[in-house]
């Protein structure tokens, strides 16, 4: 994590689970992205090049986007919970993943590009849609996971983080200036 982000408290706490949230959000965001890939027939050429079926290529895409979601949660941590800016984080992250993954693997490294024309444009649109959906669904999934974690803790004394300090029974009374003698 960037040093500036650590200084402002953007590291995830012990009850925040950004990796699990990223994994769930990554798989959730894969559903509309697969619809775009199917519409543009963008999985046909990679499946032919790998010698597998389109279904196997789709499963590989789901697995890669699961890893992408985990990476998103690890990289952005608490910043990914922003309701107003999460879509932008996700959209930018989807674009970066497109540039770092499919472009070198499918276009530059083989002898000739595997994807061309509409399927290549479909892959770009699918990655952008994946990132957009990822950024939008990350905060609600995180809220749901955090609420379920808090409900699992049986007593309020087991809480950690700012909630534990804010409990009135945990706070020490402030010394009073009345009645104190020097």
C-alpha atoms as a PDB file:
ATOM      1  CA  UNK A   1       0.000   0.000   0.000  1.00  0.00           C
ATOM      2  CA  UNK A   2       1.218   3.495  -0.719  1.00  0.00           C
ATOM      3  CA  UNK A   3       2.828   5.211   2.235  1.00  0.00           C
ATOM      4  CA  UNK A   4       0.509   8.214   1.940  1.00  0.00           C
ATOM      5  CA  UNK A   5      -2.559   5.997   2.158  1.00  0.00           C
ATOM      6  CA  UNK A   6      -1.177   4.258   5.255  1.00  0.00           C
ATOM      7  CA  UNK A   7      -0.647   7.598   6.941  1.00  0.00           C
ATOM      8  CA  UNK A   8      -4.314   8.458   6.563  1.00  0.00           C
ATOM      9  CA  UNK A   9      -5.583   5.191   8.001  1.00  0.00           C
ATOM     10  CA  UNK A  10      -6.686   3.438   4.828  1.00  0.00           C
ATOM     11  CA  UNK A  11      -5.292   0.068   5.880  1.00  0.00           C
ATOM     12  CA  UNK A  12      -8.095  -2.389   6.508  1.00  0.00           C
ATOM     13  CA  UNK A  13      -8.786  -3.350  10.094  1.00  0.00           C
ATOM     14  CA  UNK A  14      -9.107  -6.920  11.385  1.00  0.00           C
ATOM     15  CA  UNK A  15     -12.870  -7.092  10.797  1.00  0.00           C
ATOM     16  CA  UNK A  16     -12.973  -5.589   7.313  1.00  0.00           C
ATOM     17  CA  UNK A  17     -11.996  -8.564   5.129  1.00  0.00           C
ATOM     18  CA  UNK A  18     -11.121  -6.725   1.878  1.00  0.00           C
ATOM     19  CA  UNK A  19      -9.794  -9.878   0.186  1.00  0.00           C
ATOM     20  CA  UNK A  20     -12.975 -11.878   0.771  1.00  0.00           C
ATOM     21  CA  UNK A  21     -15.097  -8.926  -0.281  1.00  0.00           C
ATOM     22  CA  UNK A  22     -12.969  -8.509  -3.406  1.00  0.00           C
ATOM     23  CA  UNK A  23     -13.320 -12.188  -4.275  1.00  0.00           C
ATOM     24  CA  UNK A  24     -17.109 -12.124  -3.955  1.00  0.00           C
ATOM     25  CA  UNK A  25     -17.410  -8.826  -5.821  1.00  0.00           C
ATOM     26  CA  UNK A  26     -15.038 -10.058  -8.543  1.00  0.00           C
ATOM     27  CA  UNK A  27     -17.127 -13.140  -9.247  1.00  0.00           C
ATOM     28  CA  UNK A  28     -20.346 -11.096  -9.092  1.00  0.00           C
ATOM     29  CA  UNK A  29     -18.969  -8.597 -11.603  1.00  0.00           C
ATOM     30  CA  UNK A  30     -17.968 -11.428 -13.921  1.00  0.00           C
ATOM     31  CA  UNK A  31     -21.594 -12.279 -14.767  1.00  0.00           C
ATOM     32  CA  UNK A  32     -22.328  -9.153 -16.879  1.00  0.00           C
ATOM     33  CA  UNK A  33     -18.799  -9.232 -18.313  1.00  0.00           C
ATOM     34  CA  UNK A  34     -19.355 -12.792 -19.545  1.00  0.00           C
ATOM     35  CA  UNK A  35     -22.571 -11.641 -21.227  1.00  0.00           C
ATOM     36  CA  UNK A  36     -20.590  -9.003 -23.135  1.00  0.00           C
ATOM     37  CA  UNK A  37     -17.898 -11.538 -24.040  1.00  0.00           C
ATOM     38  CA  UNK A  38     -20.543 -13.931 -25.337  1.00  0.00           C
ATOM     39  CA  UNK A  39     -22.268 -11.165 -27.304  1.00  0.00           C
ATOM     40  CA  UNK A  40     -19.026 -10.194 -29.036  1.00  0.00           C
ATOM     41  CA  UNK A  41     -17.871 -13.835 -29.342  1.00  0.00           C
ATOM     42  CA  UNK A  42     -14.634 -12.829 -27.639  1.00  0.00           C
ATOM     43  CA  UNK A  43     -14.084 -16.232 -26.007  1.00  0.00           C
ATOM     44  CA  UNK A  44     -14.127 -18.212 -29.263  1.00  0.00           C
ATOM     45  CA  UNK A  45     -10.650 -17.255 -30.519  1.00  0.00           C
ATOM     46  CA  UNK A  46      -8.832 -17.791 -27.173  1.00  0.00           C
ATOM     47  CA  UNK A  47     -10.592 -21.153 -26.803  1.00  0.00           C
ATOM     48  CA  UNK A  48      -9.466 -22.206 -30.306  1.00  0.00           C
ATOM     49  CA  UNK A  49      -5.909 -20.987 -29.627  1.00  0.00           C
ATOM     50  CA  UNK A  50      -5.742 -22.941 -26.370  1.00  0.00           C
ATOM     51  CA  UNK A  51      -7.441 -25.990 -27.859  1.00  0.00           C
ATOM     52  CA  UNK A  52     -10.304 -25.975 -25.332  1.00  0.00           C
ATOM     53  CA  UNK A  53     -14.021 -25.327 -25.350  1.00  0.00           C
ATOM     54  CA  UNK A  54     -15.636 -21.928 -24.936  1.00  0.00           C
ATOM     55  CA  UNK A  55     -16.968 -23.103 -21.566  1.00  0.00           C
ATOM     56  CA  UNK A  56     -13.425 -23.839 -20.358  1.00  0.00           C
ATOM     57  CA  UNK A  57     -12.311 -20.397 -21.558  1.00  0.00           C
ATOM     58  CA  UNK A  58     -15.219 -18.843 -19.644  1.00  0.00           C
ATOM     59  CA  UNK A  59     -14.224 -20.735 -16.486  1.00  0.00           C
ATOM     60  CA  UNK A  60     -10.643 -19.511 -16.905  1.00  0.00           C
ATOM     61  CA  UNK A  61     -11.974 -15.958 -17.247  1.00  0.00           C
ATOM     62  CA  UNK A  62     -14.030 -16.361 -14.051  1.00  0.00           C
ATOM     63  CA  UNK A  63     -10.960 -17.635 -12.192  1.00  0.00           C
ATOM     64  CA  UNK A  64      -8.825 -14.743 -13.433  1.00  0.00           C
ATOM     65  CA  UNK A  65     -11.461 -12.199 -12.466  1.00  0.00           C
ATOM     66  CA  UNK A  66     -11.708 -13.808  -9.021  1.00  0.00           C
ATOM     67  CA  UNK A  67      -7.986 -13.158  -8.637  1.00  0.00           C
ATOM     68  CA  UNK A  68      -8.539  -9.644 -10.013  1.00  0.00           C
ATOM     69  CA  UNK A  69     -11.169  -9.010  -7.333  1.00  0.00           C
ATOM     70  CA  UNK A  70      -8.808 -10.181  -4.606  1.00  0.00           C
ATOM     71  CA  UNK A  71      -6.115  -7.890  -6.005  1.00  0.00           C
ATOM     72  CA  UNK A  72      -8.625  -5.005  -6.058  1.00  0.00           C
ATOM     73  CA  UNK A  73      -9.488  -5.555  -2.384  1.00  0.00           C
ATOM     74  CA  UNK A  74      -5.841  -5.852  -1.412  1.00  0.00           C
ATOM     75  CA  UNK A  75      -4.777  -2.764  -3.335  1.00  0.00           C
ATOM     76  CA  UNK A  76      -7.548  -0.337  -2.435  1.00  0.00           C
ATOM     77  CA  UNK A  77      -8.556  -1.772   0.991  1.00  0.00           C
ATOM     78  CA  UNK A  78     -10.695   0.835   2.821  1.00  0.00           C
ATOM     79  CA  UNK A  79     -10.675   3.215  -0.144  1.00  0.00           C
ATOM     80  CA  UNK A  80     -12.707   0.648  -2.115  1.00  0.00           C
ATOM     81  CA  UNK A  81     -15.623   1.207   0.292  1.00  0.00           C
ATOM     82  CA  UNK A  82     -16.247   4.698  -1.036  1.00  0.00           C
ATOM     83  CA  UNK A  83     -19.815   4.791  -2.314  1.00  0.00           C
ATOM     84  CA  UNK A  84     -19.286   7.885  -4.456  1.00  0.00           C
ATOM     85  CA  UNK A  85     -15.909   7.053  -5.989  1.00  0.00           C
ATOM     86  CA  UNK A  86     -15.960   3.254  -6.035  1.00  0.00           C
ATOM     87  CA  UNK A  87     -17.240   3.113  -9.601  1.00  0.00           C
ATOM     88  CA  UNK A  88     -14.269   5.176 -10.738  1.00  0.00           C
ATOM     89  CA  UNK A  89     -11.770   3.013  -8.828  1.00  0.00           C
ATOM     90  CA  UNK A  90     -13.340  -0.055 -10.390  1.00  0.00           C
ATOM     91  CA  UNK A  91     -13.470   1.329 -13.917  1.00  0.00           C
ATOM     92  CA  UNK A  92      -9.818   2.373 -13.767  1.00  0.00           C
ATOM     93  CA  UNK A  93      -8.825  -0.971 -12.272  1.00  0.00           C
ATOM     94  CA  UNK A  94     -10.677  -2.865 -15.008  1.00  0.00           C
ATOM     95  CA  UNK A  95      -8.802  -0.848 -17.628  1.00  0.00           C
ATOM     96  CA  UNK A  96      -5.444  -1.518 -15.950  1.00  0.00           C
ATOM     97  CA  UNK A  97      -6.194  -5.243 -15.789  1.00  0.00           C
ATOM     98  CA  UNK A  98      -7.075  -5.187 -19.488  1.00  0.00           C
ATOM     99  CA  UNK A  99      -3.755  -3.508 -20.284  1.00  0.00           C
ATOM    100  CA  UNK A 100      -1.678  -5.834 -18.087  1.00  0.00           C
ATOM    101  CA  UNK A 101      -3.423  -9.130 -18.858  1.00  0.00           C
ATOM    102  CA  UNK A 102      -5.149  -9.680 -22.186  1.00  0.00           C
ATOM    103  CA  UNK A 103      -3.112  -7.234 -24.233  1.00  0.00           C
ATOM    104  CA  UNK A 104       0.309  -8.837 -23.651  1.00  0.00           C
ATOM    105  CA  UNK A 105      -1.056 -12.405 -23.518  1.00  0.00           C
ATOM    106  CA  UNK A 106      -3.400 -12.278 -26.501  1.00  0.00           C
ATOM    107  CA  UNK A 107      -1.947  -9.568 -28.723  1.00  0.00           C
ATOM    108  CA  UNK A 108       1.800  -9.081 -28.234  1.00  0.00           C
ATOM    109  CA  UNK A 109       3.286 -12.423 -27.146  1.00  0.00           C
ATOM    110  CA  UNK A 110       1.830 -14.750 -29.819  1.00  0.00           C
ATOM    111  CA  UNK A 111       3.173 -14.690 -33.377  1.00  0.00           C
ATOM    112  CA  UNK A 112       0.002 -12.990 -34.535  1.00  0.00           C
ATOM    113  CA  UNK A 113      -2.787 -11.412 -32.458  1.00  0.00           C
ATOM    114  CA  UNK A 114      -5.409 -13.875 -31.230  1.00  0.00           C
ATOM    115  CA  UNK A 115      -8.230 -11.331 -30.941  1.00  0.00           C
ATOM    116  CA  UNK A 116      -8.989  -8.867 -33.719  1.00  0.00           C
ATOM    117  CA  UNK A 117     -11.856  -6.552 -34.577  1.00  0.00           C
ATOM    118  CA  UNK A 118     -15.154  -6.887 -32.706  1.00  0.00           C
ATOM    119  CA  UNK A 119     -13.990  -9.651 -30.333  1.00  0.00           C
ATOM    120  CA  UNK A 120     -11.045  -7.478 -29.231  1.00  0.00           C
ATOM    121  CA  UNK A 121     -13.381  -4.522 -28.672  1.00  0.00           C
ATOM    122  CA  UNK A 122     -15.714  -6.846 -26.781  1.00  0.00           C
ATOM    123  CA  UNK A 123     -12.908  -7.859 -24.448  1.00  0.00           C
ATOM    124  CA  UNK A 124     -12.165  -4.208 -23.691  1.00  0.00           C
ATOM    125  CA  UNK A 125     -15.839  -3.473 -23.035  1.00  0.00           C
ATOM    126  CA  UNK A 126     -16.147  -6.567 -20.850  1.00  0.00           C
ATOM    127  CA  UNK A 127     -13.158  -5.525 -18.739  1.00  0.00           C
ATOM    128  CA  UNK A 128     -14.483  -1.992 -18.347  1.00  0.00           C
ATOM    129  CA  UNK A 129     -17.920  -3.317 -17.391  1.00  0.00           C
ATOM    130  CA  UNK A 130     -16.320  -5.765 -14.949  1.00  0.00           C
ATOM    131  CA  UNK A 131     -14.421  -2.927 -13.290  1.00  0.00           C
ATOM    132  CA  UNK A 132     -17.483  -0.692 -13.141  1.00  0.00           C
ATOM    133  CA  UNK A 133     -19.645  -3.394 -11.575  1.00  0.00           C
ATOM    134  CA  UNK A 134     -16.789  -4.347  -9.248  1.00  0.00           C
ATOM    135  CA  UNK A 135     -16.520  -0.802  -7.940  1.00  0.00           C
ATOM    136  CA  UNK A 136     -20.283  -0.482  -7.507  1.00  0.00           C
ATOM    137  CA  UNK A 137     -20.917  -3.804  -5.729  1.00  0.00           C
ATOM    138  CA  UNK A 138     -17.828  -3.790  -3.470  1.00  0.00           C
ATOM    139  CA  UNK A 139     -19.237  -1.406  -0.797  1.00  0.00           C
ATOM    140  CA  UNK A 140     -22.614  -3.170  -0.344  1.00  0.00           C
ATOM    141  CA  UNK A 141     -20.964  -6.592  -0.203  1.00  0.00           C
ATOM    142  CA  UNK A 142     -18.496  -5.252   2.337  1.00  0.00           C
ATOM    143  CA  UNK A 143     -21.301  -3.782   4.456  1.00  0.00           C
ATOM    144  CA  UNK A 144     -23.141  -7.103   4.380  1.00  0.00           C
ATOM    145  CA  UNK A 145     -20.034  -9.082   5.380  1.00  0.00           C
ATOM    146  CA  UNK A 146     -19.175  -6.649   8.139  1.00  0.00           C
ATOM    147  CA  UNK A 147     -22.719  -6.723   9.519  1.00  0.00           C
ATOM    148  CA  UNK A 148     -22.662 -10.526   9.564  1.00  0.00           C
ATOM    149  CA  UNK A 149     -19.293 -10.501  11.344  1.00  0.00           C
ATOM    150  CA  UNK A 150     -20.611  -8.098  13.986  1.00  0.00           C
ATOM    151  CA  UNK A 151     -23.733 -10.178  14.539  1.00  0.00           C
ATOM    152  CA  UNK A 152     -21.601 -13.299  15.012  1.00  0.00           C
ATOM    153  CA  UNK A 153     -19.687 -11.769  17.901  1.00  0.00           C
ATOM    154  CA  UNK A 154     -21.786 -12.723  20.909  1.00  0.00           C
ATOM    155  CA  UNK A 155     -21.055  -9.857  23.240  1.00  0.00           C
ATOM    156  CA  UNK A 156     -20.167  -6.243  22.738  1.00  0.00           C
ATOM    157  CA  UNK A 157     -16.971  -6.652  24.746  1.00  0.00           C
ATOM    158  CA  UNK A 158     -15.465  -8.812  21.989  1.00  0.00           C
ATOM    159  CA  UNK A 159     -15.485  -5.988  19.457  1.00  0.00           C
ATOM    160  CA  UNK A 160     -12.270  -4.563  18.142  1.00  0.00           C
ATOM    161  CA  UNK A 161     -11.370  -1.271  16.550  1.00  0.00           C
ATOM    162  CA  UNK A 162     -13.089   2.084  16.967  1.00  0.00           C
ATOM    163  CA  UNK A 163     -16.374   0.510  18.078  1.00  0.00           C
ATOM    164  CA  UNK A 164     -14.718  -0.967  21.173  1.00  0.00           C
ATOM    165  CA  UNK A 165     -13.308   2.385  22.219  1.00  0.00           C
ATOM    166  CA  UNK A 166     -16.576   4.190  21.659  1.00  0.00           C
ATOM    167  CA  UNK A 167     -18.496   1.969  24.065  1.00  0.00           C
ATOM    168  CA  UNK A 168     -19.349   3.953  27.165  1.00  0.00           C
ATOM    169  CA  UNK A 169     -18.398   1.189  29.619  1.00  0.00           C
ATOM    170  CA  UNK A 170     -14.928   1.052  28.092  1.00  0.00           C
ATOM    171  CA  UNK A 171     -14.196   4.776  28.432  1.00  0.00           C
ATOM    172  CA  UNK A 172     -12.487   6.123  31.531  1.00  0.00           C
ATOM    173  CA  UNK A 173     -14.130   9.117  33.178  1.00  0.00           C
ATOM    174  CA  UNK A 174     -12.307  12.391  32.653  1.00  0.00           C
ATOM    175  CA  UNK A 175     -10.759  13.913  35.766  1.00  0.00           C
ATOM    176  CA  UNK A 176     -12.909  16.667  37.109  1.00  0.00           C
ATOM    177  CA  UNK A 177     -11.438  20.076  37.928  1.00  0.00           C
ATOM    178  CA  UNK A 178     -13.989  20.475  40.748  1.00  0.00           C
ATOM    179  CA  UNK A 179     -13.010  18.941  44.018  1.00  0.00           C
ATOM    180  CA  UNK A 180      -9.430  18.296  43.070  1.00  0.00           C
ATOM    181  CA  UNK A 181      -6.871  19.853  45.350  1.00  0.00           C
ATOM    182  CA  UNK A 182      -3.349  20.724  44.236  1.00  0.00           C
END
